[in-house]
């Protein structure tokens, strides 16, 4: 049961990050609004693409680690990658986003990623 939960949550999180990356590449302004800091209509395109590529790469790397290196490698990856949503929390707050989005989406995501890491270490 623990193994199924650990792997299931890790796969779900990795696929979610792939989805976010693709959304930033395909619908960047809508994705930015969902992130918590809307982008300017006439600018920011390159930075939104960078976020998309970053998130897409993180998601694919997580899936590859889980498939080819195992739960322990994925656990270390999740532990380190939790810094991204934690940093996103502060970025949203710094750039005028709401506390609800900063903590309800980004900080909560960091906590879930850390829980995933703990479950993977326990497998």
N, C-alpha and C. Protein backbone atom coordinates (compact mmCIF):
# COMPACT_ATOMS: atom_id res chain seq x y z
N UNK A 1 0.82 -1.20 0.00
CA UNK A 1 0.00 0.00 0.00
C UNK A 1 0.86 1.26 0.00
N UNK A 2 1.90 1.29 0.83
CA UNK A 2 2.77 2.46 0.88
C UNK A 2 3.48 2.66 -0.45
N UNK A 3 3.94 1.59 -1.06
CA UNK A 3 4.63 1.70 -2.35
C UNK A 3 3.70 2.26 -3.40
N UNK A 4 2.48 1.77 -3.45
CA UNK A 4 1.50 2.26 -4.43
C UNK A 4 1.22 3.73 -4.20
N UNK A 5 1.03 4.14 -2.97
CA UNK A 5 0.77 5.55 -2.65
C UNK A 5 1.96 6.43 -3.01
N UNK A 6 3.15 5.99 -2.66
CA UNK A 6 4.36 6.77 -2.94
C UNK A 6 4.57 6.96 -4.44
N UNK A 7 4.48 5.86 -5.18
CA UNK A 7 4.66 5.94 -6.63
C UNK A 7 3.52 6.72 -7.28
N UNK A 8 2.29 6.46 -6.82
CA UNK A 8 1.13 7.15 -7.40
C UNK A 8 1.20 8.66 -7.23
N UNK A 9 1.54 9.11 -6.02
CA UNK A 9 1.64 10.55 -5.78
C UNK A 9 2.78 11.16 -6.59
N UNK A 10 3.91 10.48 -6.66
CA UNK A 10 5.05 11.00 -7.43
C UNK A 10 4.69 11.11 -8.92
N UNK A 11 4.04 10.10 -9.46
CA UNK A 11 3.65 10.14 -10.87
C UNK A 11 2.65 11.26 -11.10
N UNK A 12 1.67 11.39 -10.21
CA UNK A 12 0.67 12.45 -10.33
C UNK A 12 1.33 13.83 -10.31
N UNK A 13 2.24 14.05 -9.38
CA UNK A 13 2.94 15.34 -9.29
C UNK A 13 3.79 15.60 -10.54
N UNK A 14 4.51 14.59 -10.99
CA UNK A 14 5.33 14.76 -12.20
C UNK A 14 4.47 15.10 -13.41
N UNK A 15 3.36 14.40 -13.58
CA UNK A 15 2.47 14.67 -14.71
C UNK A 15 1.83 16.05 -14.60
N UNK A 16 1.52 16.47 -13.38
CA UNK A 16 0.96 17.80 -13.17
C UNK A 16 1.96 18.89 -13.59
N UNK A 17 3.22 18.68 -13.27
CA UNK A 17 4.26 19.65 -13.64
C UNK A 17 4.45 19.66 -15.17
N UNK A 18 4.35 18.50 -15.80
CA UNK A 18 4.39 18.44 -17.27
C UNK A 18 3.23 19.27 -17.83
N UNK A 19 2.03 19.09 -17.27
CA UNK A 19 0.86 19.85 -17.71
C UNK A 19 1.08 21.36 -17.55
N UNK A 20 1.60 21.77 -16.41
CA UNK A 20 1.85 23.19 -16.18
C UNK A 20 2.86 23.72 -17.20
N UNK A 21 3.92 22.96 -17.45
CA UNK A 21 4.91 23.38 -18.43
C UNK A 21 4.30 23.54 -19.81
N UNK A 22 3.50 22.58 -20.22
CA UNK A 22 2.85 22.67 -21.53
C UNK A 22 1.88 23.85 -21.59
N UNK A 23 1.20 24.09 -20.49
CA UNK A 23 0.27 25.23 -20.45
C UNK A 23 1.01 26.56 -20.61
N UNK A 24 2.17 26.68 -19.97
CA UNK A 24 2.94 27.91 -20.12
C UNK A 24 3.49 28.07 -21.53
N UNK A 25 3.72 26.97 -22.22
CA UNK A 25 4.20 27.05 -23.61
C UNK A 25 3.05 27.30 -24.59
N UNK A 26 1.88 26.75 -24.32
CA UNK A 26 0.77 26.83 -25.28
C UNK A 26 -0.23 27.96 -24.99
N UNK A 27 -0.42 28.31 -23.74
CA UNK A 27 -1.34 29.37 -23.35
C UNK A 27 -0.69 30.19 -22.25
N UNK A 28 0.39 30.90 -22.58
CA UNK A 28 1.21 31.52 -21.54
C UNK A 28 0.50 32.55 -20.67
N UNK A 29 -0.36 33.38 -21.24
CA UNK A 29 -0.99 34.42 -20.43
C UNK A 29 -2.03 33.84 -19.47
N UNK A 30 -2.76 32.83 -19.92
CA UNK A 30 -3.71 32.16 -19.03
C UNK A 30 -2.96 31.43 -17.92
N UNK A 31 -1.84 30.81 -18.27
CA UNK A 31 -1.04 30.10 -17.27
C UNK A 31 -0.48 31.07 -16.23
N UNK A 32 -0.02 32.23 -16.69
CA UNK A 32 0.53 33.23 -15.77
C UNK A 32 -0.54 33.72 -14.81
N UNK A 33 -1.75 33.92 -15.31
CA UNK A 33 -2.84 34.36 -14.44
C UNK A 33 -3.13 33.28 -13.39
N UNK A 34 -3.10 32.02 -13.79
CA UNK A 34 -3.31 30.93 -12.85
C UNK A 34 -2.18 30.80 -11.85
N UNK A 35 -0.99 31.18 -12.26
CA UNK A 35 0.19 31.15 -11.39
C UNK A 35 0.04 32.15 -10.24
N UNK A 36 -0.69 33.24 -10.52
CA UNK A 36 -0.92 34.23 -9.48
C UNK A 36 -0.38 35.60 -9.78
N UNK A 37 0.37 35.74 -10.87
CA UNK A 37 0.91 37.03 -11.29
C UNK A 37 0.64 37.16 -12.79
N UNK A 38 -0.44 37.84 -13.18
CA UNK A 38 -0.74 37.98 -14.60
C UNK A 38 0.40 38.65 -15.36
N UNK A 39 0.60 38.20 -16.59
CA UNK A 39 1.64 38.78 -17.45
C UNK A 39 1.07 39.90 -18.29
N UNK A 40 1.93 40.81 -18.69
CA UNK A 40 1.52 41.91 -19.57
C UNK A 40 1.20 41.34 -20.94
N UNK A 41 0.17 41.84 -21.57
CA UNK A 41 -0.25 41.33 -22.89
C UNK A 41 0.82 41.56 -23.95
N UNK A 42 1.58 42.64 -23.84
CA UNK A 42 2.55 42.98 -24.88
C UNK A 42 4.00 42.64 -24.49
N UNK A 43 4.18 41.83 -23.46
CA UNK A 43 5.53 41.50 -23.03
C UNK A 43 5.58 40.20 -22.26
N UNK A 44 6.71 39.89 -21.74
CA UNK A 44 6.92 38.74 -20.87
C UNK A 44 6.87 37.39 -21.57
N UNK A 45 6.72 37.35 -22.89
CA UNK A 45 6.57 36.07 -23.59
C UNK A 45 7.77 35.15 -23.38
N UNK A 46 8.97 35.69 -23.47
CA UNK A 46 10.16 34.85 -23.30
C UNK A 46 10.24 34.27 -21.89
N UNK A 47 9.90 35.06 -20.89
CA UNK A 47 9.97 34.57 -19.52
C UNK A 47 8.91 33.51 -19.25
N UNK A 48 7.76 33.66 -19.86
CA UNK A 48 6.72 32.65 -19.70
C UNK A 48 7.14 31.34 -20.37
N UNK A 49 7.81 31.44 -21.50
CA UNK A 49 8.32 30.24 -22.17
C UNK A 49 9.41 29.57 -21.35
N UNK A 50 10.26 30.36 -20.72
CA UNK A 50 11.30 29.80 -19.86
C UNK A 50 10.66 29.00 -18.73
N UNK A 51 9.62 29.54 -18.11
CA UNK A 51 8.92 28.80 -17.05
C UNK A 51 8.32 27.52 -17.61
N UNK A 52 7.76 27.59 -18.79
CA UNK A 52 7.18 26.41 -19.40
C UNK A 52 8.21 25.32 -19.64
N UNK A 53 9.36 25.70 -20.18
CA UNK A 53 10.42 24.73 -20.45
C UNK A 53 10.95 24.17 -19.13
N UNK A 54 11.10 25.01 -18.13
CA UNK A 54 11.59 24.56 -16.81
C UNK A 54 10.65 23.52 -16.22
N UNK A 55 9.38 23.84 -16.20
CA UNK A 55 8.42 22.92 -15.59
C UNK A 55 8.27 21.64 -16.40
N UNK A 56 8.23 21.75 -17.71
CA UNK A 56 8.14 20.56 -18.55
C UNK A 56 9.35 19.65 -18.32
N UNK A 57 10.53 20.25 -18.24
CA UNK A 57 11.75 19.47 -18.00
C UNK A 57 11.73 18.81 -16.64
N UNK A 58 11.31 19.53 -15.60
CA UNK A 58 11.22 18.94 -14.26
C UNK A 58 10.28 17.75 -14.24
N UNK A 59 9.14 17.88 -14.88
CA UNK A 59 8.17 16.80 -14.89
C UNK A 59 8.69 15.56 -15.60
N UNK A 60 9.30 15.76 -16.76
CA UNK A 60 9.85 14.63 -17.51
C UNK A 60 11.02 14.00 -16.76
N UNK A 61 11.87 14.82 -16.16
CA UNK A 61 12.99 14.29 -15.38
C UNK A 61 12.48 13.45 -14.21
N UNK A 62 11.46 13.93 -13.53
CA UNK A 62 10.89 13.17 -12.41
C UNK A 62 10.37 11.82 -12.87
N UNK A 63 9.66 11.79 -13.97
CA UNK A 63 9.15 10.51 -14.50
C UNK A 63 10.30 9.59 -14.89
N UNK A 64 11.33 10.14 -15.51
CA UNK A 64 12.48 9.32 -15.92
C UNK A 64 13.21 8.76 -14.70
N UNK A 65 13.40 9.57 -13.68
CA UNK A 65 14.05 9.08 -12.46
C UNK A 65 13.26 7.94 -11.83
N UNK A 66 11.98 8.12 -11.76
CA UNK A 66 11.14 7.09 -11.15
C UNK A 66 11.20 5.80 -11.97
N UNK A 67 11.19 5.92 -13.29
CA UNK A 67 11.18 4.74 -14.16
C UNK A 67 12.53 4.03 -14.21
N UNK A 68 13.61 4.81 -14.24
CA UNK A 68 14.92 4.21 -14.51
C UNK A 68 15.88 4.17 -13.33
N UNK A 69 15.64 5.00 -12.31
CA UNK A 69 16.56 5.02 -11.17
C UNK A 69 15.89 4.58 -9.87
N UNK A 70 14.56 4.66 -9.79
CA UNK A 70 13.85 4.15 -8.63
C UNK A 70 13.38 5.21 -7.64
N UNK A 71 12.72 4.71 -6.62
CA UNK A 71 12.07 5.58 -5.63
C UNK A 71 13.06 6.45 -4.86
N UNK A 72 14.22 5.91 -4.53
CA UNK A 72 15.18 6.68 -3.73
C UNK A 72 15.69 7.91 -4.51
N UNK A 73 16.01 7.73 -5.79
CA UNK A 73 16.46 8.85 -6.62
C UNK A 73 15.34 9.88 -6.78
N UNK A 74 14.11 9.39 -6.98
CA UNK A 74 12.96 10.29 -7.11
C UNK A 74 12.73 11.05 -5.82
N UNK A 75 12.95 10.41 -4.69
CA UNK A 75 12.78 11.07 -3.40
C UNK A 75 13.74 12.25 -3.26
N UNK A 76 15.00 12.03 -3.62
CA UNK A 76 15.97 13.13 -3.57
C UNK A 76 15.59 14.25 -4.53
N UNK A 77 15.14 13.87 -5.70
CA UNK A 77 14.68 14.85 -6.69
C UNK A 77 13.53 15.68 -6.12
N UNK A 78 12.54 15.02 -5.53
CA UNK A 78 11.39 15.73 -4.95
C UNK A 78 11.82 16.65 -3.82
N UNK A 79 12.75 16.19 -3.03
CA UNK A 79 13.25 17.02 -1.93
C UNK A 79 13.86 18.32 -2.46
N UNK A 80 14.66 18.21 -3.50
CA UNK A 80 15.30 19.39 -4.08
C UNK A 80 14.31 20.25 -4.85
N UNK A 81 13.46 19.61 -5.63
CA UNK A 81 12.55 20.36 -6.50
C UNK A 81 11.45 21.07 -5.70
N UNK A 82 11.26 20.72 -4.43
CA UNK A 82 10.31 21.43 -3.58
C UNK A 82 10.70 22.90 -3.43
N UNK A 83 11.95 23.21 -3.71
CA UNK A 83 12.39 24.61 -3.66
C UNK A 83 11.67 25.47 -4.69
N UNK A 84 11.28 24.89 -5.82
CA UNK A 84 10.61 25.66 -6.88
C UNK A 84 9.27 26.22 -6.41
N UNK A 85 8.33 25.39 -5.91
CA UNK A 85 7.07 25.99 -5.46
C UNK A 85 7.24 26.85 -4.20
N UNK A 86 8.23 26.54 -3.39
CA UNK A 86 8.50 27.41 -2.24
C UNK A 86 8.95 28.79 -2.73
N UNK A 87 9.85 28.82 -3.70
CA UNK A 87 10.27 30.09 -4.29
C UNK A 87 9.11 30.79 -4.98
N UNK A 88 8.25 30.02 -5.64
CA UNK A 88 7.07 30.60 -6.30
C UNK A 88 6.17 31.30 -5.29
N UNK A 89 6.08 30.75 -4.09
CA UNK A 89 5.28 31.38 -3.02
C UNK A 89 5.76 32.80 -2.80
N UNK A 90 7.06 32.97 -2.65
CA UNK A 90 7.61 34.30 -2.37
C UNK A 90 7.53 35.21 -3.59
N UNK A 91 7.67 34.65 -4.79
CA UNK A 91 7.55 35.46 -6.00
C UNK A 91 6.15 36.03 -6.16
N UNK A 92 5.16 35.21 -5.91
CA UNK A 92 3.78 35.68 -6.02
C UNK A 92 3.52 36.80 -5.01
N UNK A 93 3.97 36.61 -3.77
CA UNK A 93 3.79 37.64 -2.75
C UNK A 93 4.53 38.93 -3.11
N UNK A 94 5.75 38.79 -3.62
CA UNK A 94 6.58 39.95 -3.95
C UNK A 94 6.03 40.76 -5.12
N UNK A 95 5.33 40.07 -6.03
CA UNK A 95 4.88 40.75 -7.24
C UNK A 95 3.38 40.99 -7.28
N UNK A 96 2.78 41.14 -6.11
CA UNK A 96 1.40 41.60 -6.03
C UNK A 96 0.34 40.53 -6.09
N UNK A 97 0.71 39.27 -6.06
CA UNK A 97 -0.29 38.21 -6.04
C UNK A 97 -0.92 38.12 -4.67
N UNK A 98 -2.00 37.38 -4.59
CA UNK A 98 -2.71 37.27 -3.32
C UNK A 98 -2.06 36.22 -2.41
N UNK A 99 -2.29 36.40 -1.12
CA UNK A 99 -1.81 35.41 -0.15
C UNK A 99 -2.50 34.08 -0.36
N UNK A 100 -3.76 34.11 -0.79
CA UNK A 100 -4.49 32.87 -1.03
C UNK A 100 -3.81 32.03 -2.10
N UNK A 101 -3.39 32.67 -3.19
CA UNK A 101 -2.71 31.94 -4.26
C UNK A 101 -1.31 31.52 -3.80
N UNK A 102 -0.59 32.43 -3.16
CA UNK A 102 0.78 32.13 -2.72
C UNK A 102 0.81 30.92 -1.79
N UNK A 103 -0.06 30.94 -0.80
CA UNK A 103 -0.03 29.86 0.19
C UNK A 103 -0.94 28.69 -0.20
N UNK A 104 -2.09 28.99 -0.79
CA UNK A 104 -3.05 27.96 -1.14
C UNK A 104 -2.64 27.10 -2.33
N UNK A 105 -1.84 27.66 -3.22
CA UNK A 105 -1.38 26.90 -4.38
C UNK A 105 0.10 26.54 -4.22
N UNK A 106 0.95 27.54 -4.16
CA UNK A 106 2.39 27.30 -4.23
C UNK A 106 2.97 26.68 -2.95
N UNK A 107 2.66 27.25 -1.79
CA UNK A 107 3.19 26.69 -0.55
C UNK A 107 2.60 25.30 -0.30
N UNK A 108 1.30 25.16 -0.58
CA UNK A 108 0.67 23.85 -0.41
C UNK A 108 1.32 22.82 -1.34
N UNK A 109 1.67 23.24 -2.55
CA UNK A 109 2.35 22.34 -3.47
C UNK A 109 3.69 21.91 -2.91
N UNK A 110 4.45 22.85 -2.35
CA UNK A 110 5.74 22.51 -1.75
C UNK A 110 5.56 21.47 -0.65
N UNK A 111 4.53 21.63 0.16
CA UNK A 111 4.27 20.67 1.24
C UNK A 111 3.94 19.29 0.67
N UNK A 112 3.11 19.24 -0.36
CA UNK A 112 2.74 17.96 -0.97
C UNK A 112 3.97 17.29 -1.60
N UNK A 113 4.83 18.09 -2.23
CA UNK A 113 6.06 17.54 -2.82
C UNK A 113 6.96 16.97 -1.72
N UNK A 114 7.04 17.64 -0.59
CA UNK A 114 7.84 17.12 0.52
C UNK A 114 7.23 15.85 1.10
N UNK A 115 5.91 15.78 1.15
CA UNK A 115 5.25 14.54 1.58
C UNK A 115 5.56 13.41 0.62
N UNK A 116 5.53 13.73 -0.68
CA UNK A 116 5.89 12.73 -1.69
C UNK A 116 7.32 12.24 -1.47
N UNK A 117 8.24 13.15 -1.21
CA UNK A 117 9.63 12.75 -0.95
C UNK A 117 9.70 11.83 0.26
N UNK A 118 9.01 12.17 1.32
CA UNK A 118 9.02 11.34 2.53
C UNK A 118 8.48 9.94 2.24
N UNK A 119 7.39 9.85 1.50
CA UNK A 119 6.82 8.54 1.15
C UNK A 119 7.79 7.73 0.31
N UNK A 120 8.44 8.38 -0.64
CA UNK A 120 9.40 7.69 -1.50
C UNK A 120 10.62 7.21 -0.71
N UNK A 121 11.07 8.00 0.24
CA UNK A 121 12.19 7.57 1.09
C UNK A 121 11.79 6.35 1.93
N UNK A 122 10.51 6.28 2.30
CA UNK A 122 10.02 5.19 3.16
C UNK A 122 9.82 3.86 2.41
N UNK A 123 9.79 3.95 1.08
CA UNK A 123 9.56 2.72 0.28
C UNK A 123 10.80 1.86 0.29
